[in-house]
Amino acid sequence: MKKIVALIVVCFISITNSQAQNADKAKALLNEVTTKVKSYKNIAIDFDVNINGQNSKGNITLSGDKYILNYMGITRLFDGSKVYTINPEDEEVTIQNPKKTGDESLTPSKLLTFFNSGYSFSWDISQNINGRTIQYIKLKPTGKSDVKEILLGIDSKTKHIYNKIDVYKNGSKSTLTVKSFKTNQTLSKNHFTFTESKYPKYYINKID
């Protein structure tokens, strides 16, 4: 009996040590991703999104906290102080403080570093996708969330995010895949500036 108990203890310690090592490996890779992202003056991304089999495309340009996001016909711009949501279909521009959008913690500017808080993580599978080695890190929310887990695919060579797979507790799934990742582009000084004169027929809805 003592031998069996000792064997169980050894196995438990071995599993615990392995899990800790995997978490350390995952953290080290995520740190490399964060360092790489922060080294760029700006980033321009084209992406695809698949939500339960439905596909859509979008693109985003990021520079620090500033961004311009084009997705599903809507343009969203953050100039550092205000969020501008431009809706061509309704011919309306909504201007508001980011804290009043209700999702300031999930802003596009945090898309590439969101994993730095609120998640536990572990080393997952590695896949060869079109000649690229994609290493997956499994993230699990540490707080209350509708998300069961996230699989974050990272290009082992470039340390850029390749895709992000969100698995929800209700069984649904969404996948964001980066199709093009460009850095340090030449942008005009007014790239993240909203120009109201470009929308003469639009209703400007200012929300304080």
Protein backbone atom coordinates (compact mmCIF):
# COMPACT_ATOMS: atom_id res chain seq x y z
CA MET A 1 0.00 0.00 0.00
CA LYS A 2 2.84 2.39 0.86
CA LYS A 3 4.42 1.73 -2.54
CA ILE A 4 1.13 2.50 -4.30
CA VAL A 5 0.71 5.75 -2.37
CA ALA A 6 4.32 6.73 -3.14
CA LEU A 7 3.77 5.98 -6.83
CA ILE A 8 0.62 8.15 -6.88
CA VAL A 9 2.50 11.00 -5.20
CA VAL A 10 5.37 10.73 -7.72
CA CYS A 11 2.92 10.72 -10.63
CA PHE A 12 1.09 13.73 -9.21
CA ILE A 13 4.33 15.67 -8.76
CA SER A 14 5.43 14.73 -12.27
CA ILE A 15 2.12 15.92 -13.79
CA THR A 16 2.23 19.14 -11.76
CA ASN A 17 5.80 19.86 -12.84
CA SER A 18 4.91 19.17 -16.48
CA GLN A 19 1.92 21.53 -16.32
CA ALA A 20 4.09 24.23 -14.77
CA GLN A 21 6.73 23.81 -17.48
CA ASN A 22 4.05 24.01 -20.20
CA ALA A 23 2.65 27.18 -18.64
CA ASP A 24 6.15 28.67 -18.52
CA LYS A 25 6.72 27.83 -22.20
CA ALA A 26 3.36 29.37 -23.12
CA LYS A 27 4.08 32.52 -21.11
CA ALA A 28 7.52 32.89 -22.71
CA LEU A 29 6.04 32.67 -26.22
CA LEU A 30 3.27 35.15 -25.39
CA ASN A 31 5.91 37.53 -24.01
CA GLU A 32 7.76 37.29 -27.33
CA VAL A 33 4.54 38.13 -29.20
CA THR A 34 3.93 41.17 -26.97
CA THR A 35 7.51 42.41 -27.36
CA LYS A 36 7.31 42.05 -31.14
CA VAL A 37 3.99 43.89 -31.37
CA LYS A 38 5.22 46.77 -29.22
CA SER A 39 8.34 47.17 -31.38
CA TYR A 40 6.32 48.34 -34.41
CA LYS A 41 5.29 51.94 -35.07
CA ASN A 42 2.10 50.70 -36.70
CA ILE A 43 0.48 47.50 -37.91
CA ALA A 44 -1.92 46.93 -40.82
CA ILE A 45 -3.92 43.68 -40.86
CA ASP A 46 -6.35 42.09 -43.30
CA PHE A 47 -8.39 39.34 -41.64
CA ASP A 48 -11.17 36.82 -42.13
CA VAL A 49 -13.77 35.98 -39.50
CA ASN A 50 -15.79 32.76 -39.42
CA ILE A 51 -18.65 32.63 -36.94
CA ASN A 52 -20.45 29.28 -36.90
CA GLY A 53 -19.77 28.79 -40.62
CA GLN A 54 -20.54 32.36 -41.71
CA ASN A 55 -17.58 34.19 -43.28
CA SER A 56 -16.76 37.89 -43.38
CA LYS A 57 -13.68 40.03 -44.04
CA GLY A 58 -12.18 43.12 -42.51
CA ASN A 59 -9.05 45.17 -42.05
CA ILE A 60 -7.52 47.28 -39.33
CA THR A 61 -4.66 49.73 -38.95
CA LEU A 62 -3.20 50.16 -35.46
CA SER A 63 -0.74 52.65 -34.01
CA GLY A 64 -0.50 52.59 -30.23
CA ASP A 65 -4.07 52.93 -28.95
CA LYS A 66 -5.27 54.59 -32.16
CA TYR A 67 -6.96 52.49 -34.83
CA ILE A 68 -9.17 52.39 -37.90
CA LEU A 69 -11.29 49.25 -38.22
CA ASN A 70 -13.35 48.36 -41.29
CA TYR A 71 -15.69 45.43 -40.76
CA MET A 72 -19.07 44.44 -42.18
CA GLY A 73 -19.51 47.79 -43.91
CA ILE A 74 -18.88 49.82 -40.75
CA THR A 75 -15.80 51.97 -40.12
CA ARG A 76 -14.71 52.56 -36.56
CA LEU A 77 -12.00 55.10 -35.80
CA PHE A 78 -10.32 55.97 -32.52
CA ASP A 79 -8.18 59.10 -32.58
CA GLY A 80 -6.89 58.76 -29.04
CA SER A 81 -9.79 60.52 -27.35
CA LYS A 82 -13.04 59.78 -29.19
CA VAL A 83 -14.53 56.78 -31.00
CA TYR A 84 -16.15 57.52 -34.38
CA THR A 85 -18.50 54.89 -35.78
CA ILE A 86 -19.27 55.57 -39.44
CA ASN A 87 -22.29 53.76 -40.88
CA PRO A 88 -22.74 54.39 -44.65
CA GLU A 89 -26.02 52.47 -44.81
CA ASP A 90 -27.68 54.75 -42.25
CA GLU A 91 -25.59 57.77 -43.26
CA GLU A 92 -24.76 58.35 -39.62
CA VAL A 93 -21.62 59.03 -37.61
CA THR A 94 -21.72 58.34 -33.89
CA ILE A 95 -19.10 60.09 -31.78
CA GLN A 96 -18.57 59.03 -28.19
CA ASN A 97 -16.15 58.63 -25.34
CA PRO A 98 -14.56 55.13 -25.45
CA LYS A 99 -15.65 54.51 -21.86
CA LYS A 100 -19.28 54.83 -22.98
CA THR A 101 -19.05 52.31 -25.82
CA GLY A 102 -19.38 49.55 -23.25
CA ASP A 103 -16.43 47.54 -24.56
CA GLU A 104 -13.35 49.64 -23.90
CA SER A 105 -11.62 46.58 -22.45
CA LEU A 106 -11.97 44.81 -25.82
CA THR A 107 -10.79 47.56 -28.13
CA PRO A 108 -9.03 46.59 -31.38
CA SER A 109 -5.83 48.19 -30.09
CA LYS A 110 -5.66 45.31 -27.58
CA LEU A 111 -6.37 42.61 -30.16
CA LEU A 112 -2.73 41.49 -30.30
CA THR A 113 -2.02 41.67 -26.56
CA PHE A 114 -5.40 40.87 -24.95
CA PHE A 115 -3.98 37.69 -23.40
CA ASN A 116 -1.74 39.53 -20.93
CA SER A 117 -4.41 39.61 -18.24
CA GLY A 118 -7.52 37.65 -17.32
CA TYR A 119 -6.38 34.27 -18.63
CA SER A 120 -4.53 31.15 -17.58
CA PHE A 121 -2.60 29.52 -20.39
CA SER A 122 -1.00 26.24 -21.45
CA TRP A 123 1.08 24.87 -24.32
CA ASP A 124 -1.09 23.16 -26.95
CA ILE A 125 -0.66 21.51 -30.35
CA SER A 126 1.62 22.61 -33.19
CA GLN A 127 0.43 22.51 -36.83
CA ASN A 128 2.03 23.01 -40.22
CA ILE A 129 -0.24 25.38 -42.16
CA ASN A 130 0.87 26.26 -45.69
CA GLY A 131 4.50 25.69 -44.77
CA ARG A 132 4.28 27.73 -41.57
CA THR A 133 4.68 26.22 -38.11
CA ILE A 134 1.79 27.45 -36.00
CA GLN A 135 2.08 26.87 -32.28
CA TYR A 136 -1.18 27.03 -30.34
CA ILE A 137 -1.54 28.36 -26.81
CA LYS A 138 -4.74 27.48 -24.94
CA LEU A 139 -6.19 30.37 -22.93
CA LYS A 140 -8.89 29.99 -20.31
CA PRO A 141 -10.66 32.99 -18.76
CA THR A 142 -9.98 33.33 -15.05
CA GLY A 143 -13.11 35.41 -14.47
CA LYS A 144 -16.75 35.19 -15.45
CA SER A 145 -17.04 34.77 -19.23
CA ASP A 146 -19.19 33.24 -21.95
CA VAL A 147 -15.96 31.94 -23.48
CA LYS A 148 -14.93 28.42 -22.51
CA GLU A 149 -11.45 28.65 -24.00
CA ILE A 150 -9.40 30.38 -26.69
CA LEU A 151 -6.84 28.76 -28.95
CA LEU A 152 -4.28 31.34 -30.05
CA GLY A 153 -2.20 30.30 -33.07
CA ILE A 154 1.25 31.91 -33.24
CA ASP A 155 3.70 31.74 -36.14
CA SER A 156 6.80 30.19 -34.54
CA LYS A 157 9.15 32.07 -36.89
CA THR A 158 7.71 35.60 -36.95
CA LYS A 159 6.04 35.52 -33.51
CA HIS A 160 2.96 37.07 -35.13
CA ILE A 161 -0.56 35.90 -34.32
CA TYR A 162 -1.93 33.71 -37.13
CA ASN A 163 -5.41 33.04 -35.78
CA LYS A 164 -7.64 33.21 -32.72
CA ILE A 165 -10.28 30.56 -32.10
CA ASP A 166 -12.93 31.39 -29.48
CA VAL A 167 -14.90 28.42 -28.17
CA TYR A 168 -18.03 29.44 -26.25
CA LYS A 169 -19.80 27.63 -23.45
CA ASN A 170 -22.99 27.43 -25.54
CA GLY A 171 -21.15 25.39 -28.18
CA SER A 172 -20.64 28.14 -30.77
CA LYS A 173 -17.24 29.04 -32.17
CA SER A 174 -15.62 31.99 -33.93
CA THR A 175 -12.30 32.07 -35.74
CA LEU A 176 -10.33 35.18 -36.71
CA THR A 177 -7.55 34.45 -39.22
CA VAL A 178 -4.89 36.99 -40.16
CA LYS A 179 -4.48 37.02 -43.96
CA SER A 180 -1.99 39.88 -44.23
CA PHE A 181 0.25 41.40 -41.54
CA LYS A 182 2.19 44.54 -42.50
CA THR A 183 4.25 46.73 -40.20
CA ASN A 184 5.73 50.22 -40.09
CA GLN A 185 3.69 51.53 -43.02
CA THR A 186 3.94 55.14 -44.21
CA LEU A 187 0.87 56.86 -42.76
CA SER A 188 -0.14 60.49 -43.07
CA LYS A 189 -0.16 62.58 -39.89
CA ASN A 190 -3.96 62.80 -40.22
CA HIS A 191 -4.48 59.07 -40.77
CA PHE A 192 -6.39 58.66 -37.50
CA THR A 193 -8.20 62.00 -37.69
CA PHE A 194 -11.94 62.18 -38.33
CA THR A 195 -12.82 64.80 -40.94
CA GLU A 196 -16.48 65.77 -40.65
CA SER A 197 -16.49 67.58 -44.01
CA LYS A 198 -16.14 64.20 -45.76
CA TYR A 199 -19.65 63.30 -44.60
CA PRO A 200 -21.80 66.33 -45.51
CA LYS A 201 -25.06 64.37 -45.71
CA TYR A 202 -24.49 62.24 -42.64
CA TYR A 203 -26.27 62.74 -39.34
CA ILE A 204 -23.61 63.44 -36.70
CA ASN A 205 -24.70 61.89 -33.44
CA LYS A 206 -22.54 63.14 -30.56
CA ILE A 207 -22.89 61.18 -27.34
CA ASP A 208 -21.26 62.84 -24.34
